[in-house]
Amino acid sequence: MDKFIKVEQQDIKTLAKIASEIWHEYWGFILSPEQIDYMVEKFQSENAINNQYKNEKYTYYFITHDNKNIGYFGISEKDNYLFLSKLYIQKNYRSQGYGRRAFEKIKKLAAKMNYKEIQLTVNKHNENTIQAYKKWGLTTIDAVVTDIGSGFVMDDYIMSYKIS
C-alpha cells in the first residue's frame, strides 16, 4: 500500500538524504556531476529545504510503499497556481504508477487549496518525464532558461494542468 506522508521539520534530514541519492542517480544523463552537486546543495540540502519551508510556502511529502520512503514531492503555494517543484521516485520504483498516483494526490491538494492550476518546470531534455506529464494532462505553456548561479542554468519547459 502506498501513501503520501507530509514531511515535518524533524524529517527534513531524511528528505535531503533521499533527494541527494535520487538526484545523483537520475540526472547523470543530462547534467554534469558538478551541476548536480551544486543543484542538490542549492535546492535540496537540509538548509535549502528548511529555507523553503520558512520563506517560500513549501510543503513536501514522502511517497511511501510498504512503509518505506521511495520518493517525494514538493509543492509551493503561488498567487495564482500551485507550483509542483519536485516529484522524484527511486529508480527501482519508477514506471510503476507511483508518479501518477502522486500527481493525483497533488491535484486533490490543489483543489482543496482552491487552486485552478498546477504549474511545474521540467528540463527540456528530460523526455520520458515530459511524455508522462503529457499523459497526465499537462500542456507546455512556455520555455525558460534560468541562471541559477556558478555558471549553471536550468533549461526548462513550463507545463500547466488546469483543475476542472
N, C-alpha and C. Protein backbone atom coordinates (compact mmCIF):
# COMPACT_ATOMS: atom_id res chain seq x y z
N MET A 1 0.85 -1.19 0.00
CA MET A 1 0.00 0.00 0.00
C MET A 1 0.88 1.24 0.00
N ASP A 2 0.64 2.16 -0.94
CA ASP A 2 1.44 3.38 -0.94
C ASP A 2 0.65 4.52 -0.33
N LYS A 3 1.40 5.42 0.31
CA LYS A 3 0.81 6.57 0.99
C LYS A 3 1.68 7.79 0.71
N PHE A 4 1.12 8.92 1.06
CA PHE A 4 1.83 10.19 0.95
C PHE A 4 1.84 10.80 2.35
N ILE A 5 3.02 10.94 2.89
CA ILE A 5 3.17 11.39 4.28
C ILE A 5 3.84 12.76 4.28
N LYS A 6 3.16 13.71 4.88
CA LYS A 6 3.68 15.08 4.95
C LYS A 6 5.01 15.08 5.71
N VAL A 7 6.00 15.74 5.13
CA VAL A 7 7.33 15.84 5.74
C VAL A 7 7.27 16.93 6.81
N GLU A 8 7.60 16.56 8.03
CA GLU A 8 7.64 17.50 9.15
C GLU A 8 9.08 17.96 9.37
N GLN A 9 9.25 18.97 10.19
CA GLN A 9 10.57 19.56 10.45
C GLN A 9 11.61 18.49 10.80
N GLN A 10 11.24 17.55 11.64
CA GLN A 10 12.20 16.52 12.08
C GLN A 10 12.55 15.52 10.98
N ASP A 11 11.81 15.55 9.85
CA ASP A 11 12.06 14.63 8.74
C ASP A 11 12.93 15.23 7.63
N ILE A 12 13.29 16.50 7.75
CA ILE A 12 13.99 17.19 6.66
C ILE A 12 15.35 16.56 6.36
N LYS A 13 16.05 16.13 7.38
CA LYS A 13 17.36 15.48 7.17
C LYS A 13 17.18 14.22 6.31
N THR A 14 16.16 13.42 6.60
CA THR A 14 15.86 12.21 5.83
C THR A 14 15.49 12.57 4.39
N LEU A 15 14.67 13.60 4.23
CA LEU A 15 14.27 14.06 2.90
C LEU A 15 15.50 14.48 2.09
N ALA A 16 16.37 15.27 2.68
CA ALA A 16 17.57 15.75 1.98
C ALA A 16 18.46 14.58 1.55
N LYS A 17 18.55 13.54 2.37
CA LYS A 17 19.36 12.36 2.04
C LYS A 17 18.75 11.63 0.84
N ILE A 18 17.45 11.40 0.87
CA ILE A 18 16.76 10.73 -0.25
C ILE A 18 16.90 11.56 -1.52
N ALA A 19 16.71 12.87 -1.40
CA ALA A 19 16.82 13.77 -2.56
C ALA A 19 18.21 13.66 -3.19
N SER A 20 19.24 13.72 -2.37
CA SER A 20 20.60 13.64 -2.89
C SER A 20 20.84 12.32 -3.61
N GLU A 21 20.40 11.23 -3.02
CA GLU A 21 20.57 9.91 -3.65
C GLU A 21 19.88 9.86 -5.01
N ILE A 22 18.62 10.28 -5.05
CA ILE A 22 17.85 10.21 -6.31
C ILE A 22 18.46 11.15 -7.35
N TRP A 23 18.76 12.38 -6.96
CA TRP A 23 19.30 13.35 -7.93
C TRP A 23 20.61 12.84 -8.54
N HIS A 24 21.50 12.32 -7.71
CA HIS A 24 22.79 11.85 -8.23
C HIS A 24 22.61 10.65 -9.15
N GLU A 25 21.65 9.80 -8.86
CA GLU A 25 21.39 8.65 -9.73
C GLU A 25 20.70 9.10 -11.02
N TYR A 26 19.72 9.99 -10.91
CA TYR A 26 18.85 10.30 -12.03
C TYR A 26 19.45 11.25 -13.06
N TRP A 27 20.05 12.35 -12.60
CA TRP A 27 20.40 13.45 -13.50
C TRP A 27 21.69 13.26 -14.29
N GLY A 28 22.43 12.19 -14.08
CA GLY A 28 23.70 11.98 -14.76
C GLY A 28 23.62 11.94 -16.27
N PHE A 29 22.46 11.62 -16.83
CA PHE A 29 22.34 11.54 -18.29
C PHE A 29 22.11 12.91 -18.94
N ILE A 30 21.85 13.93 -18.12
CA ILE A 30 21.61 15.27 -18.66
C ILE A 30 22.62 16.30 -18.12
N LEU A 31 22.92 16.23 -16.84
CA LEU A 31 23.72 17.26 -16.17
C LEU A 31 25.09 16.73 -15.76
N SER A 32 26.04 17.64 -15.65
CA SER A 32 27.37 17.26 -15.17
C SER A 32 27.32 16.96 -13.67
N PRO A 33 28.26 16.14 -13.18
CA PRO A 33 28.31 15.88 -11.73
C PRO A 33 28.43 17.18 -10.93
N GLU A 34 29.15 18.16 -11.46
CA GLU A 34 29.32 19.44 -10.77
C GLU A 34 27.99 20.17 -10.65
N GLN A 35 27.20 20.16 -11.73
CA GLN A 35 25.90 20.85 -11.67
C GLN A 35 24.94 20.11 -10.74
N ILE A 36 24.98 18.79 -10.74
CA ILE A 36 24.12 18.02 -9.84
C ILE A 36 24.47 18.36 -8.38
N ASP A 37 25.75 18.33 -8.05
CA ASP A 37 26.18 18.67 -6.68
C ASP A 37 25.71 20.08 -6.31
N TYR A 38 25.90 21.01 -7.23
CA TYR A 38 25.52 22.41 -6.98
C TYR A 38 24.01 22.52 -6.75
N MET A 39 23.23 21.86 -7.61
CA MET A 39 21.77 21.97 -7.51
C MET A 39 21.24 21.29 -6.25
N VAL A 40 21.81 20.15 -5.89
CA VAL A 40 21.39 19.48 -4.65
C VAL A 40 21.65 20.40 -3.46
N GLU A 41 22.84 20.99 -3.42
CA GLU A 41 23.17 21.90 -2.31
C GLU A 41 22.23 23.11 -2.30
N LYS A 42 21.97 23.68 -3.48
CA LYS A 42 21.17 24.90 -3.58
C LYS A 42 19.68 24.67 -3.34
N PHE A 43 19.15 23.51 -3.78
CA PHE A 43 17.71 23.30 -3.76
C PHE A 43 17.22 22.16 -2.86
N GLN A 44 18.09 21.19 -2.55
CA GLN A 44 17.60 20.01 -1.84
C GLN A 44 18.44 19.62 -0.62
N SER A 45 19.32 20.49 -0.19
CA SER A 45 20.07 20.23 1.04
C SER A 45 19.15 20.53 2.24
N GLU A 46 19.58 20.09 3.42
CA GLU A 46 18.82 20.38 4.63
C GLU A 46 18.57 21.88 4.78
N ASN A 47 19.62 22.69 4.59
CA ASN A 47 19.48 24.14 4.71
C ASN A 47 18.49 24.70 3.69
N ALA A 48 18.60 24.24 2.43
CA ALA A 48 17.72 24.73 1.38
C ALA A 48 16.26 24.39 1.68
N ILE A 49 16.01 23.16 2.11
CA ILE A 49 14.63 22.74 2.39
C ILE A 49 14.08 23.50 3.59
N ASN A 50 14.88 23.67 4.62
CA ASN A 50 14.45 24.47 5.77
C ASN A 50 14.04 25.87 5.34
N ASN A 51 14.85 26.49 4.47
CA ASN A 51 14.55 27.82 3.97
C ASN A 51 13.25 27.83 3.15
N GLN A 52 13.05 26.79 2.34
CA GLN A 52 11.83 26.70 1.54
C GLN A 52 10.60 26.62 2.44
N TYR A 53 10.69 25.86 3.52
CA TYR A 53 9.58 25.76 4.47
C TYR A 53 9.30 27.10 5.12
N LYS A 54 10.36 27.77 5.56
CA LYS A 54 10.19 29.02 6.32
C LYS A 54 9.81 30.20 5.45
N ASN A 55 10.35 30.29 4.24
CA ASN A 55 10.24 31.53 3.46
C ASN A 55 9.54 31.41 2.11
N GLU A 56 9.28 30.19 1.62
CA GLU A 56 8.78 30.05 0.25
C GLU A 56 7.49 29.24 0.14
N LYS A 57 6.79 29.07 1.27
CA LYS A 57 5.49 28.37 1.28
C LYS A 57 5.56 26.98 0.67
N TYR A 58 6.62 26.24 0.99
CA TYR A 58 6.79 24.87 0.50
C TYR A 58 6.20 23.87 1.48
N THR A 59 5.72 22.76 0.92
CA THR A 59 5.34 21.58 1.67
C THR A 59 5.88 20.38 0.88
N TYR A 60 6.46 19.44 1.60
CA TYR A 60 6.96 18.22 0.98
C TYR A 60 6.20 17.02 1.52
N TYR A 61 6.13 15.98 0.69
CA TYR A 61 5.51 14.71 1.08
C TYR A 61 6.43 13.58 0.65
N PHE A 62 6.58 12.60 1.54
CA PHE A 62 7.24 11.35 1.16
C PHE A 62 6.23 10.51 0.39
N ILE A 63 6.70 9.82 -0.64
CA ILE A 63 5.93 8.80 -1.32
C ILE A 63 6.41 7.49 -0.72
N THR A 64 5.49 6.73 -0.12
CA THR A 64 5.90 5.51 0.57
C THR A 64 5.25 4.28 -0.05
N HIS A 65 5.95 3.18 0.08
CA HIS A 65 5.42 1.87 -0.31
C HIS A 65 5.85 0.89 0.76
N ASP A 66 4.90 0.16 1.33
CA ASP A 66 5.19 -0.77 2.43
C ASP A 66 6.01 -0.10 3.54
N ASN A 67 5.59 1.11 3.90
CA ASN A 67 6.22 1.89 4.97
C ASN A 67 7.67 2.28 4.69
N LYS A 68 8.08 2.26 3.42
CA LYS A 68 9.43 2.67 3.04
C LYS A 68 9.31 3.92 2.16
N ASN A 69 10.14 4.92 2.44
CA ASN A 69 10.16 6.12 1.60
C ASN A 69 10.83 5.79 0.28
N ILE A 70 10.06 5.89 -0.81
CA ILE A 70 10.59 5.54 -2.13
C ILE A 70 10.70 6.76 -3.04
N GLY A 71 10.30 7.92 -2.54
CA GLY A 71 10.35 9.13 -3.33
C GLY A 71 9.72 10.27 -2.56
N TYR A 72 9.52 11.38 -3.25
CA TYR A 72 8.95 12.55 -2.59
C TYR A 72 8.44 13.53 -3.63
N PHE A 73 7.58 14.44 -3.17
CA PHE A 73 7.23 15.59 -4.00
C PHE A 73 7.18 16.82 -3.12
N GLY A 74 7.41 17.96 -3.77
CA GLY A 74 7.37 19.24 -3.08
C GLY A 74 6.50 20.20 -3.85
N ILE A 75 5.63 20.89 -3.12
CA ILE A 75 4.75 21.89 -3.73
C ILE A 75 4.95 23.23 -3.03
N SER A 76 4.67 24.29 -3.77
CA SER A 76 4.80 25.63 -3.23
C SER A 76 3.59 26.45 -3.65
N GLU A 77 3.03 27.17 -2.71
CA GLU A 77 1.85 27.99 -2.98
C GLU A 77 2.26 29.31 -3.62
N LYS A 78 1.77 29.54 -4.82
CA LYS A 78 1.98 30.81 -5.52
C LYS A 78 0.66 31.57 -5.53
N ASP A 79 0.67 32.79 -6.03
CA ASP A 79 -0.55 33.60 -6.01
C ASP A 79 -1.68 32.97 -6.83
N ASN A 80 -1.38 32.52 -8.05
CA ASN A 80 -2.44 32.08 -8.95
C ASN A 80 -2.40 30.60 -9.30
N TYR A 81 -1.44 29.86 -8.76
CA TYR A 81 -1.33 28.43 -9.08
C TYR A 81 -0.52 27.73 -8.00
N LEU A 82 -0.66 26.42 -7.97
CA LEU A 82 0.17 25.60 -7.10
C LEU A 82 1.37 25.16 -7.93
N PHE A 83 2.56 25.38 -7.42
CA PHE A 83 3.78 25.03 -8.13
C PHE A 83 4.25 23.66 -7.66
N LEU A 84 4.32 22.71 -8.59
CA LEU A 84 4.89 21.41 -8.31
C LEU A 84 6.39 21.53 -8.57
N SER A 85 7.13 21.67 -7.48
CA SER A 85 8.56 21.95 -7.59
C SER A 85 9.38 20.68 -7.80
N LYS A 86 9.01 19.61 -7.12
CA LYS A 86 9.79 18.37 -7.18
C LYS A 86 8.84 17.19 -7.20
N LEU A 87 9.19 16.18 -7.99
CA LEU A 87 8.50 14.89 -7.97
C LEU A 87 9.53 13.85 -8.39
N TYR A 88 10.04 13.11 -7.41
CA TYR A 88 11.12 12.16 -7.68
C TYR A 88 10.82 10.82 -7.03
N ILE A 89 11.15 9.76 -7.75
CA ILE A 89 10.93 8.40 -7.29
C ILE A 89 12.23 7.61 -7.49
N GLN A 90 12.55 6.77 -6.52
CA GLN A 90 13.76 5.95 -6.62
C GLN A 90 13.68 5.04 -7.84
N LYS A 91 14.83 4.76 -8.42
CA LYS A 91 14.94 4.02 -9.68
C LYS A 91 14.13 2.72 -9.70
N ASN A 92 14.23 1.92 -8.65
CA ASN A 92 13.56 0.61 -8.64
C ASN A 92 12.04 0.70 -8.63
N TYR A 93 11.49 1.89 -8.39
CA TYR A 93 10.04 2.06 -8.28
C TYR A 93 9.45 2.88 -9.43
N ARG A 94 10.30 3.30 -10.37
CA ARG A 94 9.80 4.09 -11.50
C ARG A 94 8.99 3.22 -12.46
N SER A 95 8.13 3.87 -13.22
CA SER A 95 7.29 3.21 -14.24
C SER A 95 6.35 2.17 -13.62
N GLN A 96 5.95 2.40 -12.37
CA GLN A 96 5.01 1.50 -11.70
C GLN A 96 3.77 2.25 -11.22
N GLY A 97 3.59 3.48 -11.68
CA GLY A 97 2.38 4.22 -11.34
C GLY A 97 2.49 5.13 -10.12
N TYR A 98 3.64 5.14 -9.45
CA TYR A 98 3.78 5.98 -8.26
C TYR A 98 3.71 7.47 -8.59
N GLY A 99 4.33 7.85 -9.71
CA GLY A 99 4.29 9.25 -10.12
C GLY A 99 2.88 9.70 -10.43
N ARG A 100 2.15 8.89 -11.15
CA ARG A 100 0.75 9.22 -11.49
C ARG A 100 -0.09 9.34 -10.21
N ARG A 101 0.08 8.39 -9.29
CA ARG A 101 -0.69 8.45 -8.04
C ARG A 101 -0.29 9.68 -7.21
N ALA A 102 0.98 10.01 -7.24
CA ALA A 102 1.42 11.23 -6.54
C ALA A 102 0.76 12.45 -7.18
N PHE A 103 0.70 12.48 -8.52
CA PHE A 103 0.09 13.62 -9.19
C PHE A 103 -1.40 13.70 -8.87
N GLU A 104 -2.07 12.57 -8.73
CA GLU A 104 -3.49 12.57 -8.32
C GLU A 104 -3.62 13.21 -6.93
N LYS A 105 -2.71 12.88 -6.03
CA LYS A 105 -2.70 13.48 -4.68
C LYS A 105 -2.46 14.98 -4.78
N ILE A 106 -1.54 15.40 -5.63
CA ILE A 106 -1.23 16.82 -5.81
C ILE A 106 -2.46 17.56 -6.35
N LYS A 107 -3.18 16.95 -7.29
CA LYS A 107 -4.41 17.57 -7.82
C LYS A 107 -5.44 17.76 -6.70
N LYS A 108 -5.57 16.77 -5.82
CA LYS A 108 -6.50 16.89 -4.70
C LYS A 108 -6.07 18.00 -3.74
N LEU A 109 -4.77 18.06 -3.46
CA LEU A 109 -4.26 19.13 -2.58
C LEU A 109 -4.53 20.50 -3.20
N ALA A 110 -4.28 20.63 -4.50
CA ALA A 110 -4.50 21.91 -5.19
C ALA A 110 -5.97 22.31 -5.12
N ALA A 111 -6.86 21.37 -5.38
CA ALA A 111 -8.30 21.67 -5.33
C ALA A 111 -8.72 22.08 -3.92
N LYS A 112 -8.20 21.37 -2.92
CA LYS A 112 -8.51 21.67 -1.52
C LYS A 112 -8.06 23.10 -1.15
N MET A 113 -6.96 23.55 -1.77
CA MET A 113 -6.43 24.89 -1.51
C MET A 113 -7.05 25.93 -2.45
N ASN A 114 -8.06 25.51 -3.22
CA ASN A 114 -8.79 26.39 -4.15
C ASN A 114 -7.95 26.89 -5.32
N TYR A 115 -6.96 26.13 -5.73
CA TYR A 115 -6.21 26.49 -6.93
C TYR A 115 -6.92 25.91 -8.15
N LYS A 116 -6.85 26.64 -9.25
CA LYS A 116 -7.44 26.20 -10.52
C LYS A 116 -6.37 25.67 -11.48
N GLU A 117 -5.09 25.78 -11.05
CA GLU A 117 -4.00 25.39 -11.94
C GLU A 117 -2.81 24.89 -11.13
N ILE A 118 -2.11 23.90 -11.72
CA ILE A 118 -0.82 23.43 -11.21
C ILE A 118 0.19 23.73 -12.31
N GLN A 119 1.33 24.29 -11.92
CA GLN A 119 2.42 24.50 -12.88
C GLN A 119 3.66 23.80 -12.37
N LEU A 120 4.53 23.44 -13.32
CA LEU A 120 5.82 22.85 -12.99
C LEU A 120 6.82 23.23 -14.07
N THR A 121 8.08 23.05 -13.75
CA THR A 121 9.13 23.20 -14.76
C THR A 121 9.77 21.83 -14.93
N VAL A 122 10.16 21.54 -16.18
CA VAL A 122 10.80 20.26 -16.48
C VAL A 122 11.93 20.50 -17.47
N ASN A 123 13.07 19.89 -17.22
CA ASN A 123 14.22 20.03 -18.10
C ASN A 123 13.83 19.61 -19.52
N LYS A 124 14.21 20.44 -20.49
CA LYS A 124 13.83 20.20 -21.90
C LYS A 124 14.35 18.86 -22.44
N HIS A 125 15.39 18.31 -21.82
CA HIS A 125 15.97 17.05 -22.29
C HIS A 125 15.46 15.84 -21.51
N ASN A 126 14.56 16.06 -20.58
CA ASN A 126 14.01 15.00 -19.74
C ASN A 126 12.77 14.42 -20.43
N GLU A 127 13.01 13.74 -21.55
CA GLU A 127 11.93 13.35 -22.46
C GLU A 127 10.94 12.36 -21.86
N ASN A 128 11.40 11.38 -21.10
CA ASN A 128 10.46 10.41 -20.50
C ASN A 128 9.50 11.09 -19.55
N THR A 129 10.02 12.01 -18.75
CA THR A 129 9.17 12.73 -17.79
C THR A 129 8.19 13.64 -18.52
N ILE A 130 8.65 14.31 -19.56
CA ILE A 130 7.76 15.17 -20.35
C ILE A 130 6.62 14.34 -20.92
N GLN A 131 6.92 13.16 -21.44
CA GLN A 131 5.88 12.29 -22.00
C GLN A 131 4.89 11.86 -20.91
N ALA A 132 5.39 11.55 -19.73
CA ALA A 132 4.50 11.18 -18.62
C ALA A 132 3.59 12.36 -18.27
N TYR A 133 4.16 13.54 -18.16
CA TYR A 133 3.34 14.72 -17.82
C TYR A 133 2.27 14.96 -18.88
N LYS A 134 2.60 14.77 -20.14
CA LYS A 134 1.60 14.94 -21.20
C LYS A 134 0.48 13.91 -21.04
N LYS A 135 0.84 12.67 -20.71
CA LYS A 135 -0.18 11.63 -20.49
C LYS A 135 -1.10 11.99 -19.33
N TRP A 136 -0.55 12.70 -18.36
CA TRP A 136 -1.32 13.09 -17.18
C TRP A 136 -2.18 14.33 -17.43
N GLY A 137 -2.07 14.90 -18.64
CA GLY A 137 -2.93 16.03 -19.00
C GLY A 137 -2.28 17.40 -18.90
N LEU A 138 -0.97 17.44 -18.68
CA LEU A 138 -0.30 18.74 -18.64
C LEU A 138 0.04 19.20 -20.06
N THR A 139 0.08 20.51 -20.24
CA THR A 139 0.46 21.09 -21.53
C THR A 139 1.62 22.06 -21.32
N THR A 140 2.45 22.17 -22.34
CA THR A 140 3.58 23.10 -22.29
C THR A 140 3.06 24.50 -22.59
N ILE A 141 3.38 25.45 -21.70
CA ILE A 141 2.90 26.83 -21.90
C ILE A 141 4.03 27.82 -22.14
N ASP A 142 5.28 27.42 -21.87
CA ASP A 142 6.40 28.35 -22.07
C ASP A 142 7.71 27.57 -21.99
N ALA A 143 8.79 28.26 -22.34
CA ALA A 143 10.14 27.72 -22.20
C ALA A 143 10.98 28.81 -21.55
N VAL A 144 11.82 28.42 -20.62
CA VAL A 144 12.64 29.38 -19.89
C VAL A 144 14.04 28.84 -19.68
N VAL A 145 15.00 29.75 -19.65
CA VAL A 145 16.37 29.43 -19.24
C VAL A 145 16.63 30.29 -18.01
N THR A 146 16.91 29.62 -16.87
CA THR A 146 17.07 30.32 -15.61
C THR A 146 18.51 30.19 -15.13
N ASP A 147 19.16 31.32 -14.91
CA ASP A 147 20.51 31.33 -14.35
C ASP A 147 20.41 31.00 -12.87
N ILE A 148 21.06 29.92 -12.43
CA ILE A 148 21.00 29.53 -11.02
C ILE A 148 22.32 29.79 -10.30
N GLY A 149 23.22 30.50 -10.98
CA GLY A 149 24.48 30.85 -10.34
C GLY A 149 25.61 29.88 -10.66
N SER A 150 26.83 30.31 -10.36
CA SER A 150 28.04 29.50 -10.56
C SER A 150 28.20 28.98 -11.99
N GLY A 151 27.66 29.73 -12.95
CA GLY A 151 27.80 29.37 -14.36
C GLY A 151 26.80 28.31 -14.83
N PHE A 152 25.85 27.93 -14.00
CA PHE A 152 24.86 26.91 -14.35
C PHE A 152 23.52 27.55 -14.68
N VAL A 153 22.79 26.88 -15.58
CA VAL A 153 21.43 27.32 -15.91
C VAL A 153 20.50 26.10 -15.87
N MET A 154 19.21 26.40 -15.71
CA MET A 154 18.18 25.38 -15.88
C MET A 154 17.46 25.74 -17.18
N ASP A 155 17.41 24.78 -18.10
CA ASP A 155 16.82 24.96 -19.42
C ASP A 155 15.51 24.15 -19.43
N ASP A 156 14.41 24.83 -19.16
CA ASP A 156 13.16 24.14 -18.84
C ASP A 156 11.99 24.54 -19.71
N TYR A 157 11.01 23.63 -19.75
CA TYR A 157 9.67 23.97 -20.20
C TYR A 157 8.84 24.25 -18.95
N ILE A 158 7.89 25.15 -19.07
CA ILE A 158 6.88 25.33 -18.04
C ILE A 158 5.64 24.59 -18.54
N MET A 159 5.13 23.70 -17.68
CA MET A 159 3.94 22.94 -18.04
C MET A 159 2.82 23.27 -17.05
N SER A 160 1.58 23.11 -17.52
CA SER A 160 0.42 23.50 -16.73
C SER A 160 -0.65 22.42 -16.77
N TYR A 161 -1.35 22.31 -15.66
CA TYR A 161 -2.52 21.43 -15.57
C TYR A 161 -3.66 22.26 -15.03
N LYS A 162 -4.77 22.35 -15.78
CA LYS A 162 -5.95 23.08 -15.33
C LYS A 162 -6.84 22.14 -14.54
N ILE A 163 -7.21 22.58 -13.35
CA ILE A 163 -8.07 21.77 -12.50
C ILE A 163 -9.52 22.10 -12.81
N SER A 164 -10.31 21.05 -13.13
CA SER A 164 -11.70 21.29 -13.52
C SER A 164 -12.61 21.29 -12.30
